[in-house]
Amino acid sequence: MLEKTFRYTVDKPDDSPPPPNGSDPHRVPVSGRLQVNQGQALRVAALHGLGIIMQPAILLAADVQAGRLVQLFPEHELSSRPMSVRYLPDRYRSAKLRSFVDFLV
């Protein structure tokens, strides 16, 4: 079991990272003492050497390039996780909202 990991508190307690793409599923039980529901707090904890973190590469790219964080197992690509965008229905969607949704898609 990985002892020095961080978890989002919205994760189920028995949740573990998805298996790498193209590999046999192998689950690793994950637990940790730090539980937060904010990605920036997880990043700061990892930067202070408190454990490992699993976040989208784009959110950690600058830290990896600067040598502040190290990517573990770069030969394994993790399965993607779903993402939803919610906004209030309106007859007129602002240019910012349209641009943001287009960027995500």
C-alpha atoms as a PDB file:
ATOM      1  CA  MET A   1       0.000   0.000   0.000  1.00  0.00           C
ATOM      2  CA  LEU A   2       1.258   3.469  -0.833  1.00  0.00           C
ATOM      3  CA  GLU A   3       1.579   5.352   2.446  1.00  0.00           C
ATOM      4  CA  LYS A   4       2.671   8.809   1.278  1.00  0.00           C
ATOM      5  CA  THR A   5      -0.046   9.747  -1.170  1.00  0.00           C
ATOM      6  CA  PHE A   6      -2.652  12.467  -1.289  1.00  0.00           C
ATOM      7  CA  ARG A   7      -6.334  12.073  -2.016  1.00  0.00           C
ATOM      8  CA  TYR A   8      -9.200  14.232  -3.027  1.00  0.00           C
ATOM      9  CA  THR A   9     -11.843  13.873  -0.363  1.00  0.00           C
ATOM     10  CA  VAL A  10     -14.446  13.365  -3.087  1.00  0.00           C
ATOM     11  CA  ASP A  11     -12.749  10.056  -4.039  1.00  0.00           C
ATOM     12  CA  LYS A  12     -14.269   6.885  -2.685  1.00  0.00           C
ATOM     13  CA  PRO A  13     -12.089   5.402   0.113  1.00  0.00           C
ATOM     14  CA  ASP A  14     -11.506   2.193  -1.878  1.00  0.00           C
ATOM     15  CA  ASP A  15     -10.712   4.105  -5.079  1.00  0.00           C
ATOM     16  CA  SER A  16      -7.319   3.505  -6.659  1.00  0.00           C
ATOM     17  CA  PRO A  17      -5.704   4.945  -9.789  1.00  0.00           C
ATOM     18  CA  PRO A  18      -6.907   3.429 -13.069  1.00  0.00           C
ATOM     19  CA  PRO A  19      -4.552   0.940 -14.777  1.00  0.00           C
ATOM     20  CA  PRO A  20      -2.180   2.292 -17.455  1.00  0.00           C
ATOM     21  CA  ASN A  21      -3.591   2.216 -20.993  1.00  0.00           C
ATOM     22  CA  GLY A  22      -2.843  -1.009 -22.849  1.00  0.00           C
ATOM     23  CA  SER A  23      -1.830  -2.956 -19.759  1.00  0.00           C
ATOM     24  CA  ASP A  24      -3.413  -5.590 -17.615  1.00  0.00           C
ATOM     25  CA  PRO A  25      -5.482  -4.016 -14.861  1.00  0.00           C
ATOM     26  CA  HIS A  26      -3.561  -4.068 -11.616  1.00  0.00           C
ATOM     27  CA  ARG A  27      -4.982  -2.119  -8.726  1.00  0.00           C
ATOM     28  CA  VAL A  28      -2.793  -0.663  -6.013  1.00  0.00           C
ATOM     29  CA  PRO A  29      -4.540   0.206  -2.748  1.00  0.00           C
ATOM     30  CA  VAL A  30      -4.000   3.882  -1.988  1.00  0.00           C
ATOM     31  CA  SER A  31      -4.423   5.628   1.320  1.00  0.00           C
ATOM     32  CA  GLY A  32      -2.999   8.778   2.776  1.00  0.00           C
ATOM     33  CA  ARG A  33      -3.081  10.990   5.803  1.00  0.00           C
ATOM     34  CA  LEU A  34      -3.687  14.203   3.860  1.00  0.00           C
ATOM     35  CA  GLN A  35      -7.158  14.454   2.341  1.00  0.00           C
ATOM     36  CA  VAL A  36      -8.183  17.649   0.579  1.00  0.00           C
ATOM     37  CA  ASN A  37     -10.658  18.625  -2.105  1.00  0.00           C
ATOM     38  CA  GLN A  38      -8.514  21.221  -3.844  1.00  0.00           C
ATOM     39  CA  GLY A  39      -5.889  20.388  -6.472  1.00  0.00           C
ATOM     40  CA  GLN A  40      -3.619  23.322  -5.635  1.00  0.00           C
ATOM     41  CA  ALA A  41      -3.300  22.084  -2.043  1.00  0.00           C
ATOM     42  CA  LEU A  42      -2.233  18.668  -3.361  1.00  0.00           C
ATOM     43  CA  ARG A  43       0.352  20.306  -5.618  1.00  0.00           C
ATOM     44  CA  VAL A  44       1.805  22.360  -2.745  1.00  0.00           C
ATOM     45  CA  ALA A  45       2.010  19.258  -0.543  1.00  0.00           C
ATOM     46  CA  ALA A  46       3.868  17.385  -3.290  1.00  0.00           C
ATOM     47  CA  LEU A  47       6.227  20.341  -3.792  1.00  0.00           C
ATOM     48  CA  HIS A  48       7.059  20.136  -0.080  1.00  0.00           C
ATOM     49  CA  GLY A  49       7.971  16.454  -0.410  1.00  0.00           C
ATOM     50  CA  LEU A  50       4.978  15.097   1.489  1.00  0.00           C
ATOM     51  CA  GLY A  51       4.234  12.314  -1.009  1.00  0.00           C
ATOM     52  CA  ILE A  52       3.148  11.613  -4.560  1.00  0.00           C
ATOM     53  CA  ILE A  53       0.367  13.210  -6.573  1.00  0.00           C
ATOM     54  CA  MET A  54      -1.725  12.170  -9.582  1.00  0.00           C
ATOM     55  CA  GLN A  55      -2.952  15.213 -11.495  1.00  0.00           C
ATOM     56  CA  PRO A  56      -3.424  16.053 -15.172  1.00  0.00           C
ATOM     57  CA  ALA A  57      -0.014  16.607 -16.784  1.00  0.00           C
ATOM     58  CA  ILE A  58      -0.944  20.118 -17.907  1.00  0.00           C
ATOM     59  CA  LEU A  59      -1.399  21.215 -14.277  1.00  0.00           C
ATOM     60  CA  LEU A  60       2.058  20.014 -13.225  1.00  0.00           C
ATOM     61  CA  ALA A  61       4.036  20.583 -16.445  1.00  0.00           C
ATOM     62  CA  ALA A  62       5.789  23.758 -15.248  1.00  0.00           C
ATOM     63  CA  ASP A  63       6.878  22.094 -11.993  1.00  0.00           C
ATOM     64  CA  VAL A  64       8.179  19.027 -13.837  1.00  0.00           C
ATOM     65  CA  GLN A  65      10.051  21.166 -16.405  1.00  0.00           C
ATOM     66  CA  ALA A  66      11.595  23.253 -13.615  1.00  0.00           C
ATOM     67  CA  GLY A  67      12.687  20.112 -11.747  1.00  0.00           C
ATOM     68  CA  ARG A  68      10.488  20.816  -8.730  1.00  0.00           C
ATOM     69  CA  LEU A  69       8.532  17.587  -9.353  1.00  0.00           C
ATOM     70  CA  VAL A  70       9.567  14.326 -11.012  1.00  0.00           C
ATOM     71  CA  GLN A  71       7.237  12.240 -13.133  1.00  0.00           C
ATOM     72  CA  LEU A  72       7.052   8.666 -11.864  1.00  0.00           C
ATOM     73  CA  PHE A  73       6.705   5.844 -14.397  1.00  0.00           C
ATOM     74  CA  PRO A  74       6.699   8.004 -17.541  1.00  0.00           C
ATOM     75  CA  GLU A  75       6.412   4.866 -19.680  1.00  0.00           C
ATOM     76  CA  HIS A  76       2.905   4.284 -18.319  1.00  0.00           C
ATOM     77  CA  GLU A  77       0.050   6.448 -19.487  1.00  0.00           C
ATOM     78  CA  LEU A  78      -2.926   6.468 -17.151  1.00  0.00           C
ATOM     79  CA  SER A  79      -6.453   6.070 -18.408  1.00  0.00           C
ATOM     80  CA  SER A  80      -8.333   9.290 -18.879  1.00  0.00           C
ATOM     81  CA  ARG A  81     -10.892  10.367 -16.328  1.00  0.00           C
ATOM     82  CA  PRO A  82     -14.207  11.969 -17.256  1.00  0.00           C
ATOM     83  CA  MET A  83     -14.692  15.697 -16.954  1.00  0.00           C
ATOM     84  CA  SER A  84     -17.924  17.672 -16.971  1.00  0.00           C
ATOM     85  CA  VAL A  85     -18.611  21.331 -17.605  1.00  0.00           C
ATOM     86  CA  ARG A  86     -21.756  22.854 -16.165  1.00  0.00           C
ATOM     87  CA  TYR A  87     -23.121  26.285 -16.771  1.00  0.00           C
ATOM     88  CA  LEU A  88     -26.473  27.984 -16.483  1.00  0.00           C
ATOM     89  CA  PRO A  89     -28.594  27.805 -19.618  1.00  0.00           C
ATOM     90  CA  ASP A  90     -28.982  31.154 -21.256  1.00  0.00           C
ATOM     91  CA  ARG A  91     -30.074  32.411 -24.635  1.00  0.00           C
ATOM     92  CA  TYR A  92     -26.802  34.268 -24.934  1.00  0.00           C
ATOM     93  CA  ARG A  93     -23.536  32.557 -24.051  1.00  0.00           C
ATOM     94  CA  SER A  94     -20.661  34.949 -23.508  1.00  0.00           C
ATOM     95  CA  ALA A  95     -17.631  34.777 -25.751  1.00  0.00           C
ATOM     96  CA  LYS A  96     -15.528  33.753 -22.721  1.00  0.00           C
ATOM     97  CA  LEU A  97     -17.788  30.799 -21.957  1.00  0.00           C
ATOM     98  CA  ARG A  98     -17.940  29.672 -25.603  1.00  0.00           C
ATOM     99  CA  SER A  99     -14.167  29.935 -25.876  1.00  0.00           C
ATOM    100  CA  PHE A 100     -13.619  27.971 -22.667  1.00  0.00           C
ATOM    101  CA  VAL A 101     -16.000  25.162 -23.715  1.00  0.00           C
ATOM    102  CA  ASP A 102     -14.362  25.032 -27.170  1.00  0.00           C
ATOM    103  CA  PHE A 103     -10.934  24.784 -25.521  1.00  0.00           C
ATOM    104  CA  LEU A 104     -12.055  21.842 -23.377  1.00  0.00           C
ATOM    105  CA  VAL A 105     -13.631  19.953 -26.265  1.00  0.00           C
END
